[in-house]
Protein backbone atom coordinates (compact mmCIF):
# COMPACT_ATOMS: atom_id res chain seq x y z
CA MET A 1 116.61 92.39 120.50
CA THR A 2 117.08 96.14 120.24
CA VAL A 3 115.53 98.85 122.40
CA THR A 4 114.95 102.33 121.01
CA ARG A 5 113.81 105.47 122.78
CA VAL A 6 111.21 106.73 120.31
CA VAL A 7 109.58 109.67 122.12
CA ASP A 8 111.44 111.89 124.57
CA THR A 9 108.55 112.38 126.96
CA SER A 10 109.16 112.75 130.69
CA CYS A 11 105.95 111.23 132.01
CA ARG A 12 105.44 111.16 135.76
CA LEU A 13 103.41 107.99 135.30
CA GLY A 14 103.32 106.89 131.67
CA GLU A 15 100.80 104.06 131.26
CA GLY A 16 98.17 102.35 129.14
CA PRO A 17 99.62 102.18 125.60
CA VAL A 18 97.13 101.16 122.92
CA TRP A 19 97.56 101.01 119.14
CA HIS A 20 94.82 102.69 117.08
CA PRO A 21 94.77 100.83 113.74
CA ASP A 22 92.46 103.34 112.01
CA GLU A 23 94.79 106.24 112.74
CA LYS A 24 98.00 104.17 112.69
CA ARG A 25 99.03 105.91 115.90
CA LEU A 26 99.89 104.85 119.42
CA TYR A 27 98.05 106.42 122.36
CA TRP A 28 99.17 106.37 125.97
CA VAL A 29 98.64 108.44 129.10
CA ASP A 30 100.62 110.26 131.74
CA ILE A 31 98.26 109.57 134.63
CA GLU A 32 99.71 112.06 137.10
CA GLY A 33 100.57 114.60 134.40
CA GLY A 34 96.96 114.53 133.16
CA ARG A 35 97.96 114.15 129.51
CA LEU A 36 96.85 111.89 126.70
CA HIS A 37 99.79 111.33 124.33
CA ARG A 38 99.75 110.09 120.75
CA TYR A 39 102.59 109.13 118.41
CA ASP A 40 102.76 108.45 114.68
CA PRO A 41 105.69 106.08 114.02
CA GLU A 42 105.65 106.77 110.29
CA THR A 43 106.23 110.52 110.63
CA GLY A 44 107.62 110.68 114.17
CA ALA A 45 104.95 113.23 115.10
CA HIS A 46 103.95 113.37 118.77
CA ASP A 47 101.39 115.54 120.54
CA CYS A 48 99.02 115.66 123.52
CA PRO A 49 95.44 116.17 122.32
CA VAL A 50 93.99 116.12 125.85
CA GLU A 51 95.31 117.80 129.00
CA THR A 52 93.15 117.52 132.12
CA SER A 53 93.41 116.72 135.83
CA VAL A 54 93.84 112.94 135.53
CA VAL A 55 93.57 110.54 132.62
CA ALA A 56 94.31 107.00 133.72
CA GLY A 57 93.70 104.95 130.58
CA VAL A 58 91.80 104.74 127.31
CA THR A 59 90.08 102.15 125.16
CA ILE A 60 89.28 102.48 121.47
CA GLN A 61 85.57 102.58 120.76
CA ARG A 62 84.10 100.74 117.78
CA ASP A 63 83.42 104.08 116.07
CA GLY A 64 87.10 105.04 116.40
CA SER A 65 86.70 107.51 119.27
CA LEU A 66 88.37 106.92 122.64
CA LEU A 67 86.82 106.17 126.02
CA ALA A 68 88.89 107.95 128.68
CA PHE A 69 88.95 106.79 132.31
CA MET A 70 89.75 109.55 134.78
CA ASP A 71 89.53 110.23 138.53
CA ARG A 72 86.60 110.12 141.02
CA GLY A 73 84.86 107.41 139.00
CA ARG A 74 84.56 109.58 135.89
CA VAL A 75 84.67 108.50 132.26
CA GLY A 76 84.52 110.64 129.12
CA CYS A 77 84.79 110.39 125.34
CA VAL A 78 87.62 111.76 123.22
CA VAL A 79 86.32 112.71 119.77
CA ASP A 80 88.59 114.51 117.30
CA GLY A 81 91.00 115.28 120.12
CA GLU A 82 88.35 116.84 122.40
CA LEU A 83 87.29 115.40 125.78
CA THR A 84 83.50 115.47 126.06
CA GLY A 85 80.58 113.90 127.91
CA VAL A 86 82.39 113.28 131.19
CA THR A 87 80.16 111.12 133.40
CA GLU A 88 80.56 109.60 136.87
CA ILE A 89 79.99 105.85 136.56
CA VAL A 90 81.13 104.68 140.02
CA ASP A 91 81.34 106.31 143.44
CA SER A 92 85.08 106.35 144.06
CA PRO A 93 87.36 108.81 145.87
CA THR A 94 90.30 107.54 143.83
CA ARG A 95 91.25 107.35 140.19
CA PHE A 96 90.99 104.55 137.71
CA ASN A 97 94.13 102.60 136.87
CA ASP A 98 94.45 99.97 134.13
CA VAL A 99 91.55 99.36 131.70
CA ILE A 100 90.84 96.92 128.87
CA ALA A 101 87.96 96.29 126.46
CA ASP A 102 86.64 92.75 126.22
CA PRO A 103 85.54 90.91 123.03
CA ALA A 104 81.91 92.03 123.45
CA GLY A 105 82.67 95.74 123.89
CA ARG A 106 82.52 95.92 127.69
CA VAL A 107 85.41 97.38 129.70
CA PHE A 108 87.18 95.93 132.73
CA CYS A 109 88.47 98.86 134.77
CA GLY A 110 90.26 99.01 138.12
CA THR A 111 90.28 101.77 140.73
CA MET A 112 93.11 102.53 143.13
CA PRO A 113 92.81 101.80 146.85
CA SER A 114 91.88 104.59 149.25
CA GLU A 115 92.90 105.14 152.87
CA SER A 116 89.87 103.21 154.07
CA ALA A 117 89.37 100.53 151.40
CA GLY A 118 91.23 98.44 148.87
CA GLY A 119 91.14 98.89 145.14
CA ARG A 120 88.30 97.47 143.08
CA LEU A 121 87.86 95.88 139.68
CA PHE A 122 84.68 96.73 137.77
CA ARG A 123 83.08 95.62 134.54
CA LEU A 124 81.45 98.43 132.58
CA GLY A 125 78.69 97.18 130.30
CA THR A 126 77.90 98.51 126.85
CA ASP A 127 74.81 100.18 128.37
CA ALA A 128 77.04 101.81 131.03
CA THR A 129 75.85 99.56 133.85
CA VAL A 130 78.61 98.72 136.32
CA THR A 131 79.31 95.35 137.95
CA THR A 132 81.81 94.88 140.77
CA VAL A 133 84.20 92.03 139.96
CA GLU A 134 86.79 92.21 142.77
CA THR A 135 87.22 94.24 145.97
CA GLY A 136 90.10 94.62 148.41
CA VAL A 137 92.70 94.75 145.63
CA GLY A 138 96.15 96.17 146.40
CA ILE A 139 96.76 97.87 143.04
CA PRO A 140 94.65 96.62 140.09
CA ASN A 141 96.80 96.46 136.99
CA GLY A 142 97.45 94.76 133.64
CA MET A 143 94.76 92.60 132.03
CA GLY A 144 94.35 90.43 128.96
CA PHE A 145 92.59 87.47 127.35
CA THR A 146 93.76 84.11 126.09
CA ARG A 147 93.62 83.45 122.36
CA ASP A 148 90.53 81.26 122.71
CA ARG A 149 88.76 83.98 124.75
CA GLU A 150 88.06 81.48 127.53
CA ARG A 151 90.44 82.92 130.15
CA PHE A 152 90.98 86.41 131.57
CA TYR A 153 94.24 87.66 133.11
CA PHE A 154 94.35 90.25 135.90
CA THR A 155 97.46 91.62 137.61
CA GLU A 156 97.47 92.58 141.28
CA THR A 157 100.73 94.44 141.67
CA GLU A 158 101.01 94.51 145.46
CA ALA A 159 100.41 90.74 145.59
CA HIS A 160 103.20 90.13 143.03
CA THR A 161 100.63 88.06 141.13
CA ILE A 162 98.98 87.68 137.75
CA TYR A 163 95.69 85.82 138.23
CA ARG A 164 93.81 83.82 135.62
CA TYR A 165 90.02 83.39 135.57
CA ALA A 166 87.50 81.48 133.52
CA TYR A 167 85.80 84.03 131.26
CA ASP A 168 82.34 83.88 129.70
CA GLU A 169 82.20 86.06 126.60
CA GLU A 170 78.40 86.16 126.44
CA SER A 171 77.91 87.56 129.95
CA GLY A 172 81.36 88.99 130.70
CA ALA A 173 81.45 87.06 133.98
CA VAL A 174 84.76 85.81 135.37
CA SER A 175 85.12 82.94 137.86
CA ASP A 176 87.44 80.26 139.23
CA ARG A 177 90.37 82.54 140.00
CA GLU A 178 93.79 80.89 140.11
CA ARG A 179 97.35 82.13 140.41
CA PHE A 180 98.89 82.17 136.95
CA VAL A 181 102.22 83.78 137.88
CA GLU A 182 103.52 84.68 141.32
CA SER A 183 106.62 86.74 140.69
CA PRO A 184 109.59 86.90 143.07
CA ALA A 185 110.05 89.97 145.24
CA THR A 186 112.85 91.18 142.97
CA PRO A 187 113.38 92.64 140.52
CA GLY A 188 110.32 94.82 140.71
CA LEU A 189 106.58 94.23 140.61
CA PRO A 190 104.26 93.10 137.78
CA ASP A 191 102.46 96.04 136.18
CA GLY A 192 100.80 96.38 132.77
CA MET A 193 100.69 93.48 130.33
CA THR A 194 99.64 92.28 126.90
CA VAL A 195 99.11 88.94 125.15
CA ASP A 196 100.71 88.28 121.76
CA SER A 197 99.39 86.34 118.77
CA ALA A 198 101.01 83.13 120.02
CA GLY A 199 99.36 83.42 123.44
CA HIS A 200 102.50 84.53 125.29
CA ILE A 201 102.14 87.08 128.10
CA TRP A 202 104.39 90.16 128.21
CA SER A 203 104.48 91.77 131.67
CA ALA A 204 106.09 95.13 132.49
CA ARG A 205 108.09 95.14 135.70
CA TRP A 206 107.68 98.27 137.87
CA GLU A 207 111.00 99.19 139.50
CA GLY A 208 112.48 96.15 137.77
CA GLY A 209 113.72 97.79 134.58
CA CYS A 210 112.49 95.04 132.29
CA VAL A 211 109.66 93.29 130.46
CA VAL A 212 109.11 89.59 131.24
CA LYS A 213 107.73 87.13 128.68
CA TYR A 214 105.74 84.11 129.91
CA ASP A 215 104.46 81.03 128.17
CA ALA A 216 100.74 80.25 128.35
CA ASP A 217 101.46 77.85 131.24
CA GLY A 218 103.16 80.57 133.30
CA THR A 219 106.75 79.53 132.57
CA GLU A 220 109.13 82.47 132.21
CA LEU A 221 110.60 82.41 128.70
CA ASP A 222 112.71 85.56 128.59
CA ARG A 223 113.19 89.04 129.97
CA PHE A 224 114.11 92.19 128.10
CA ASP A 225 115.94 95.08 129.74
CA VAL A 226 114.68 98.66 129.47
CA PRO A 227 117.09 101.51 130.37
CA THR A 228 115.02 102.90 133.27
CA GLU A 229 113.60 101.26 136.37
CA LYS A 230 109.91 102.16 136.39
CA VAL A 231 108.60 100.13 133.46
CA THR A 232 104.81 100.41 133.51
CA SER A 233 103.09 98.81 130.52
CA VAL A 234 103.43 97.32 127.05
CA ALA A 235 101.47 97.10 123.80
CA PHE A 236 102.16 95.82 120.32
CA GLY A 237 101.81 98.42 117.59
CA GLY A 238 102.74 99.35 114.06
CA PRO A 239 100.86 98.35 110.88
CA ASP A 240 101.93 94.72 111.35
CA LEU A 241 101.74 94.80 115.18
CA ASP A 242 105.39 93.75 115.32
CA SER A 243 106.78 96.53 117.53
CA LEU A 244 106.47 96.26 121.31
CA TYR A 245 105.95 99.73 122.78
CA VAL A 246 106.90 100.26 126.42
CA THR A 247 105.77 103.08 128.71
CA THR A 248 107.77 104.23 131.72
CA ALA A 249 107.49 106.57 134.71
CA GLY A 250 109.66 108.76 136.93
CA GLY A 251 110.00 111.81 134.69
CA ASP A 252 108.87 115.40 135.15
CA PRO A 253 106.66 116.73 132.34
CA ASP A 254 107.06 120.27 133.70
CA GLY A 255 110.76 120.35 132.86
CA GLY A 256 112.32 119.40 136.17
CA ALA A 257 114.85 116.65 136.71
CA GLY A 258 113.50 113.13 136.38
CA GLU A 259 114.72 110.09 138.25
CA ASP A 260 117.11 109.38 135.36
CA GLU A 261 117.54 110.60 131.79
CA ASP A 262 115.26 107.90 130.35
CA ALA A 263 112.54 108.03 133.01
CA GLY A 264 109.09 108.66 131.55
CA ALA A 265 110.09 108.09 127.90
CA LEU A 266 108.39 105.83 125.37
CA PHE A 267 110.47 102.92 124.09
CA ARG A 268 110.15 100.37 121.31
CA LEU A 269 111.46 96.84 121.62
CA ASP A 270 112.10 94.93 118.41
CA VAL A 271 111.21 91.39 119.40
CA GLU A 272 110.39 88.24 117.46
CA ALA A 273 106.68 88.38 118.17
CA THR A 274 103.51 90.01 116.90
CA GLY A 275 100.48 91.28 118.74
CA ARG A 276 96.76 90.97 118.20
CA PRO A 277 94.36 93.84 117.47
CA GLU A 278 92.94 95.22 120.70
CA PHE A 279 89.28 94.57 121.37
CA ARG A 280 87.19 97.71 121.05
CA SER A 281 84.78 99.06 123.61
CA ASP A 282 81.19 99.84 122.64
CA VAL A 283 80.01 101.73 125.71
CA ARG A 284 77.17 104.25 125.47
CA LEU A 285 77.56 106.71 128.33
CA GLY A 286 74.30 108.55 127.78
């Protein structure tokens, strides 16, 4: 396994990588820096098409545009690099965190806890209706689906746990929550995740400096070191989905000193695995 620093960003909180197969580019966000990043691995080109107050995560829409999840319950569309149609979909004093589209075009999206209440997990329907899935969550984080689309994974970082639910594709409902992985207190906490084509789970480890690979039964298979501590999320990308991209945090996008020289950069791990195309959202905001 080799690890390569591919983009010298200094994200405060790099998160949410997603491969756009139409554009053959990787998108990710710097939540606290308010920037949407994109990277073309063929040319090495990197830019930030959107700069705003907060952008916490994106999904790819079926028409190729992006759905951007922001702060204060707001969601907007990114079309041709422009953020438009920002709409409040939930009443929340906090920002969104991790998001994922499901097989039917809905989006599961978590919000951060506030001083008076825990975080929440919502399901955003294709008609923009919102259903509350979980309340009282420490920090809602990485999500994914099993290969057969019958189970849904959801990471609660503060609980050191990845949960698994029964998932109904027709309705989007989840039920029968069980602990899939309860990670030890060290090193670090489970953060973003993805599921590969073989059904293995790849979990980023916040303040753990690594990515952990699990079998479909929750057995740890391997862990891969990343040269900075705050490893936030992972996604397979490239034309053959055979590169594992890793986002990190702890940098300073304004040019100040980061927590270390690699903090906030984008990395690529060359691993013996391939990903699956991400499901696309099909949400009509208005």
